[in-house]
């Protein structure tokens, strides 16, 4: 059941499959590129000075994501395979969604914690989504992230507000078959705020997560004794943070 649970979590939480995911016990401290300079032309036999590059350290803690469900004895009487699939789907779905929401919306460690700056990492538009402001958003992302960049968007925003946008040649900018927006793959996630922060573009591998304890599914036949039920607990211990913030840009529209 535990192995099935882990696989279903990745399928149900879109961002878990996009970030850099580690599985290291306990708290983790890792380093990422901070200030980075290019190499320089060297004069033969001259002293090569040290670069001013700086590393950024990020510490991941361990937060518990859990859910308990009570299963009746009659339900457990199903065949072993049917029961395991059922309980796995139930627990995996809800815990995966909680982690997905955490990666995006946690105000301390999620994408929501990033201090977006107008004109640098954010486009603030008073109009609805338009071709012009989507192009402006793409222009903000450094070109070095382009090969692996993906849009992140709420499903309602994508299909209600963005799907109908066309370019200067009257061609739709969203391809529903390839699921690309202006050539970039699209991640659809319901936990992106649809109200005014419905469109991100980023290199999501720069968000690092750690599943510090293997997925655990445990049962307690005693806690539900008087109800003729067995309690099943799904538990995941996880944390994540963006390592660098310049790899993610956002379009905010108040229309």
Protein backbone atom coordinates (compact mmCIF):
# COMPACT_ATOMS: atom_id res chain seq x y z
CA UNK A 1 0.00 0.00 0.00
CA UNK A 2 2.81 2.43 0.87
CA UNK A 3 4.44 2.06 -2.57
CA UNK A 4 1.14 2.66 -4.34
CA UNK A 5 0.50 5.64 -2.10
CA UNK A 6 3.75 7.38 -3.11
CA UNK A 7 3.12 6.92 -6.82
CA UNK A 8 -0.44 8.20 -6.61
CA UNK A 9 0.75 11.27 -4.66
CA UNK A 10 2.96 12.32 -7.57
CA UNK A 11 0.12 11.90 -10.05
CA UNK A 12 -2.38 13.87 -7.96
CA UNK A 13 -0.05 16.72 -6.94
CA UNK A 14 1.21 18.32 -10.19
CA UNK A 15 3.98 20.31 -8.51
CA UNK A 16 5.52 17.26 -6.84
CA UNK A 17 6.50 16.05 -10.29
CA UNK A 18 7.96 19.44 -11.28
CA UNK A 19 10.13 20.42 -8.32
CA UNK A 20 13.45 18.90 -7.29
CA UNK A 21 12.30 16.22 -4.87
CA UNK A 22 14.68 14.63 -2.36
CA UNK A 23 14.06 11.83 0.11
CA UNK A 24 16.47 12.48 2.96
CA UNK A 25 15.67 11.75 6.62
CA UNK A 26 15.48 14.75 8.95
CA UNK A 27 16.10 18.42 8.26
CA UNK A 28 18.13 19.25 5.17
CA UNK A 29 20.40 22.20 4.38
CA UNK A 30 21.33 22.64 0.76
CA UNK A 31 23.11 25.24 -1.32
CA UNK A 32 22.08 26.86 -4.57
CA UNK A 33 23.57 29.46 -6.88
CA UNK A 34 23.09 33.02 -5.68
CA UNK A 35 24.99 35.87 -7.31
CA UNK A 36 26.68 34.49 -10.41
CA UNK A 37 29.12 36.15 -12.81
CA UNK A 38 30.41 35.00 -16.18
CA UNK A 39 33.95 33.89 -16.85
CA UNK A 40 36.32 36.54 -18.20
CA UNK A 41 38.97 36.78 -20.87
CA UNK A 42 42.32 35.94 -19.33
CA UNK A 43 45.64 37.56 -20.12
CA UNK A 44 48.36 34.97 -20.43
CA UNK A 45 50.47 34.54 -17.26
CA UNK A 46 48.38 37.09 -15.36
CA UNK A 47 46.91 36.32 -11.93
CA UNK A 48 43.31 35.09 -12.12
CA UNK A 49 41.23 36.89 -9.52
CA UNK A 50 38.54 35.17 -7.49
CA UNK A 51 34.97 35.62 -8.72
CA UNK A 52 32.37 37.34 -6.57
CA UNK A 53 29.88 34.50 -6.91
CA UNK A 54 27.85 33.74 -3.80
CA UNK A 55 26.00 30.63 -2.75
CA UNK A 56 22.60 30.69 -1.07
CA UNK A 57 21.79 28.20 1.68
CA UNK A 58 18.26 26.89 2.21
CA UNK A 59 17.13 24.78 5.15
CA UNK A 60 14.17 22.44 4.87
CA UNK A 61 12.31 21.36 7.98
CA UNK A 62 9.92 18.44 8.43
CA UNK A 63 6.17 19.09 8.50
CA UNK A 64 3.61 16.35 8.93
CA UNK A 65 0.76 15.98 6.45
CA UNK A 66 -1.74 13.43 7.68
CA UNK A 67 -5.27 12.11 7.41
CA UNK A 68 -7.18 9.42 9.30
CA UNK A 69 -10.18 7.57 7.86
CA UNK A 70 -12.35 5.00 9.59
CA UNK A 71 -13.18 1.93 7.52
CA UNK A 72 -15.97 -0.42 8.51
CA UNK A 73 -15.30 -4.10 8.95
CA UNK A 74 -17.66 -4.83 6.06
CA UNK A 75 -15.69 -2.57 3.71
CA UNK A 76 -12.45 -4.26 4.72
CA UNK A 77 -14.04 -7.58 3.78
CA UNK A 78 -13.49 -6.71 0.11
CA UNK A 79 -10.77 -8.54 -1.78
CA UNK A 80 -7.25 -7.51 -0.76
CA UNK A 81 -6.43 -5.82 -4.08
CA UNK A 82 -9.72 -3.90 -4.22
CA UNK A 83 -9.34 -2.71 -0.64
CA UNK A 84 -5.72 -1.60 -1.04
CA UNK A 85 -6.53 0.37 -4.18
CA UNK A 86 -9.49 2.03 -2.50
CA UNK A 87 -7.73 3.08 0.72
CA UNK A 88 -4.65 4.20 -1.23
CA UNK A 89 -6.71 6.42 -3.54
CA UNK A 90 -8.53 7.97 -0.61
CA UNK A 91 -5.49 8.80 1.51
CA UNK A 92 -3.12 9.61 -1.35
CA UNK A 93 -5.53 12.07 -2.90
CA UNK A 94 -6.09 14.22 0.15
CA UNK A 95 -2.49 14.26 1.39
CA UNK A 96 -1.15 14.93 -2.10
CA UNK A 97 -3.48 17.89 -2.50
CA UNK A 98 -2.42 19.28 0.88
CA UNK A 99 1.25 19.12 -0.13
CA UNK A 100 0.50 20.62 -3.53
CA UNK A 101 -1.30 23.51 -1.85
CA UNK A 102 1.66 23.95 0.52
CA UNK A 103 4.19 24.19 -2.33
CA UNK A 104 2.16 26.96 -3.96
CA UNK A 105 0.41 28.86 -1.19
CA UNK A 106 2.32 28.51 2.07
CA UNK A 107 3.10 32.07 3.15
CA UNK A 108 6.41 31.13 4.74
CA UNK A 109 7.88 28.55 2.37
CA UNK A 110 5.70 28.37 -0.74
CA UNK A 111 5.65 30.29 -4.00
CA UNK A 112 3.37 32.74 -2.19
CA UNK A 113 6.32 33.67 0.05
CA UNK A 114 8.32 35.07 -2.88
CA UNK A 115 8.59 38.85 -2.89
CA UNK A 116 7.65 39.57 -6.50
CA UNK A 117 8.79 42.97 -7.79
CA UNK A 118 6.89 44.90 -10.45
CA UNK A 119 8.84 45.18 -13.65
CA UNK A 120 11.46 42.68 -12.50
CA UNK A 121 9.63 39.49 -11.60
CA UNK A 122 6.02 40.61 -11.87
CA UNK A 123 3.65 42.20 -14.36
CA UNK A 124 0.73 44.04 -12.71
CA UNK A 125 -2.13 44.57 -15.15
CA UNK A 126 -5.37 46.41 -14.53
CA UNK A 127 -6.90 44.86 -17.64
CA UNK A 128 -7.92 41.28 -18.30
CA UNK A 129 -5.42 38.76 -19.63
CA UNK A 130 -4.20 39.97 -23.02
CA UNK A 131 -1.63 38.96 -25.60
CA UNK A 132 0.44 42.00 -24.64
CA UNK A 133 0.65 41.28 -20.93
CA UNK A 134 1.36 37.56 -21.51
CA UNK A 135 4.23 38.60 -23.81
CA UNK A 136 5.44 41.03 -21.15
CA UNK A 137 5.47 38.19 -18.63
CA UNK A 138 7.53 35.96 -20.93
CA UNK A 139 9.99 38.80 -21.46
CA UNK A 140 10.70 38.99 -17.72
CA UNK A 141 12.00 35.43 -17.42
CA UNK A 142 15.78 35.22 -18.00
CA UNK A 143 16.56 33.40 -21.25
CA UNK A 144 18.74 30.85 -19.45
CA UNK A 145 15.57 29.30 -17.95
CA UNK A 146 13.67 29.09 -21.24
CA UNK A 147 14.55 25.50 -22.25
CA UNK A 148 12.83 24.04 -19.17
CA UNK A 149 10.37 26.78 -18.22
CA UNK A 150 6.67 26.01 -17.84
CA UNK A 151 3.55 28.03 -17.19
CA UNK A 152 1.59 27.37 -13.99
CA UNK A 153 -2.07 28.33 -14.09
CA UNK A 154 -5.45 27.69 -12.53
CA UNK A 155 -7.72 25.59 -14.75
CA UNK A 156 -10.53 28.16 -14.74
CA UNK A 157 -8.15 30.96 -15.70
CA UNK A 158 -6.71 28.88 -18.53
CA UNK A 159 -10.02 27.91 -20.09
CA UNK A 160 -12.07 31.03 -19.30
CA UNK A 161 -9.53 33.84 -19.69
CA UNK A 162 -6.51 32.64 -21.68
CA UNK A 163 -7.77 30.06 -24.16
CA UNK A 164 -9.41 32.68 -26.39
CA UNK A 165 -6.42 35.04 -26.64
CA UNK A 166 -4.92 35.35 -30.13
CA UNK A 167 -1.66 36.86 -31.36
CA UNK A 168 -1.21 39.63 -33.93
CA UNK A 169 -1.89 37.09 -36.69
CA UNK A 170 -5.16 35.96 -35.05
CA UNK A 171 -3.66 32.62 -34.00
CA UNK A 172 -4.56 31.23 -30.55
CA UNK A 173 -1.65 31.41 -28.13
CA UNK A 174 -2.83 28.28 -26.29
CA UNK A 175 -2.66 24.89 -27.99
CA UNK A 176 -5.14 22.57 -26.23
CA UNK A 177 -3.78 19.49 -28.01
CA UNK A 178 -0.12 20.00 -27.10
CA UNK A 179 -1.08 21.82 -23.88
CA UNK A 180 1.37 24.61 -24.58
CA UNK A 181 1.03 28.37 -24.15
CA UNK A 182 3.20 30.38 -26.53
CA UNK A 183 5.30 27.24 -26.93
CA UNK A 184 5.84 26.66 -23.20
CA UNK A 185 4.31 23.57 -21.53
CA UNK A 186 1.44 24.32 -19.16
CA UNK A 187 0.98 22.92 -15.65
CA UNK A 188 -2.67 23.13 -14.63
CA UNK A 189 -3.20 23.31 -10.87
CA UNK A 190 -6.36 24.24 -9.00
CA UNK A 191 -4.40 25.62 -6.05
CA UNK A 192 -3.14 28.59 -8.05
CA UNK A 193 -5.19 31.60 -6.97
CA UNK A 194 -7.73 32.27 -9.69
CA UNK A 195 -8.73 35.69 -8.33
CA UNK A 196 -5.73 37.78 -9.40
CA UNK A 197 -2.58 35.62 -9.45
CA UNK A 198 -3.56 33.06 -12.03
CA UNK A 199 -0.48 32.92 -14.26
CA UNK A 200 3.13 32.06 -13.43
CA UNK A 201 6.07 31.18 -15.65
CA UNK A 202 9.07 29.50 -14.12
CA UNK A 203 11.81 26.95 -13.92
CA UNK A 204 10.25 24.84 -11.19
CA UNK A 205 13.30 22.66 -10.49
CA UNK A 206 14.60 25.61 -8.47
CA UNK A 207 11.98 24.75 -5.87
CA UNK A 208 13.50 22.01 -3.71
CA UNK A 209 11.35 19.67 -1.65
CA UNK A 210 12.22 16.90 0.75
CA UNK A 211 10.04 13.93 1.61
CA UNK A 212 11.95 13.28 4.82
CA UNK A 213 10.02 10.17 5.80
CA UNK A 214 8.79 7.49 3.44
CA UNK A 215 5.05 7.42 2.94
CA UNK A 216 3.43 5.52 5.77
CA UNK A 217 0.01 3.90 5.92
CA UNK A 218 -0.83 2.46 9.34
CA UNK A 219 -3.95 0.95 10.85
CA UNK A 220 -5.34 0.77 14.37
CA UNK A 221 -7.95 -1.95 14.99
CA UNK A 222 -8.55 -0.80 18.58
CA UNK A 223 -9.49 2.87 18.27
CA UNK A 224 -12.68 2.02 16.36
CA UNK A 225 -13.60 -1.11 18.32
CA UNK A 226 -17.04 0.06 19.47
CA UNK A 227 -17.91 1.20 15.95
CA UNK A 228 -16.83 -2.06 14.31
CA UNK A 229 -14.33 0.02 12.36
CA UNK A 230 -10.60 0.21 11.78
CA UNK A 231 -8.79 3.58 11.61
CA UNK A 232 -6.28 4.00 8.80
CA UNK A 233 -3.75 6.84 8.89
CA UNK A 234 -1.83 8.19 5.95
CA UNK A 235 1.22 10.25 6.86
CA UNK A 236 3.79 12.17 4.85
CA UNK A 237 6.58 14.36 6.25
CA UNK A 238 7.54 17.05 3.79
CA UNK A 239 8.91 20.55 3.31
CA UNK A 240 9.86 22.68 0.31
CA UNK A 241 11.21 26.14 -0.52
CA UNK A 242 12.22 28.08 -3.62
CA UNK A 243 16.02 28.09 -3.78
CA UNK A 244 16.14 31.09 -6.12
CA UNK A 245 13.40 33.59 -6.87
CA UNK A 246 14.57 34.97 -10.21
CA UNK A 247 13.49 31.73 -11.93
CA UNK A 248 9.77 32.46 -11.34
CA UNK A 249 7.79 35.40 -12.74
CA UNK A 250 4.12 36.24 -12.23
CA UNK A 251 1.31 38.05 -14.01
CA UNK A 252 -1.18 39.75 -11.68
CA UNK A 253 -4.41 41.10 -13.12
CA UNK A 254 -7.17 42.78 -11.14
CA UNK A 255 -9.71 42.79 -13.96
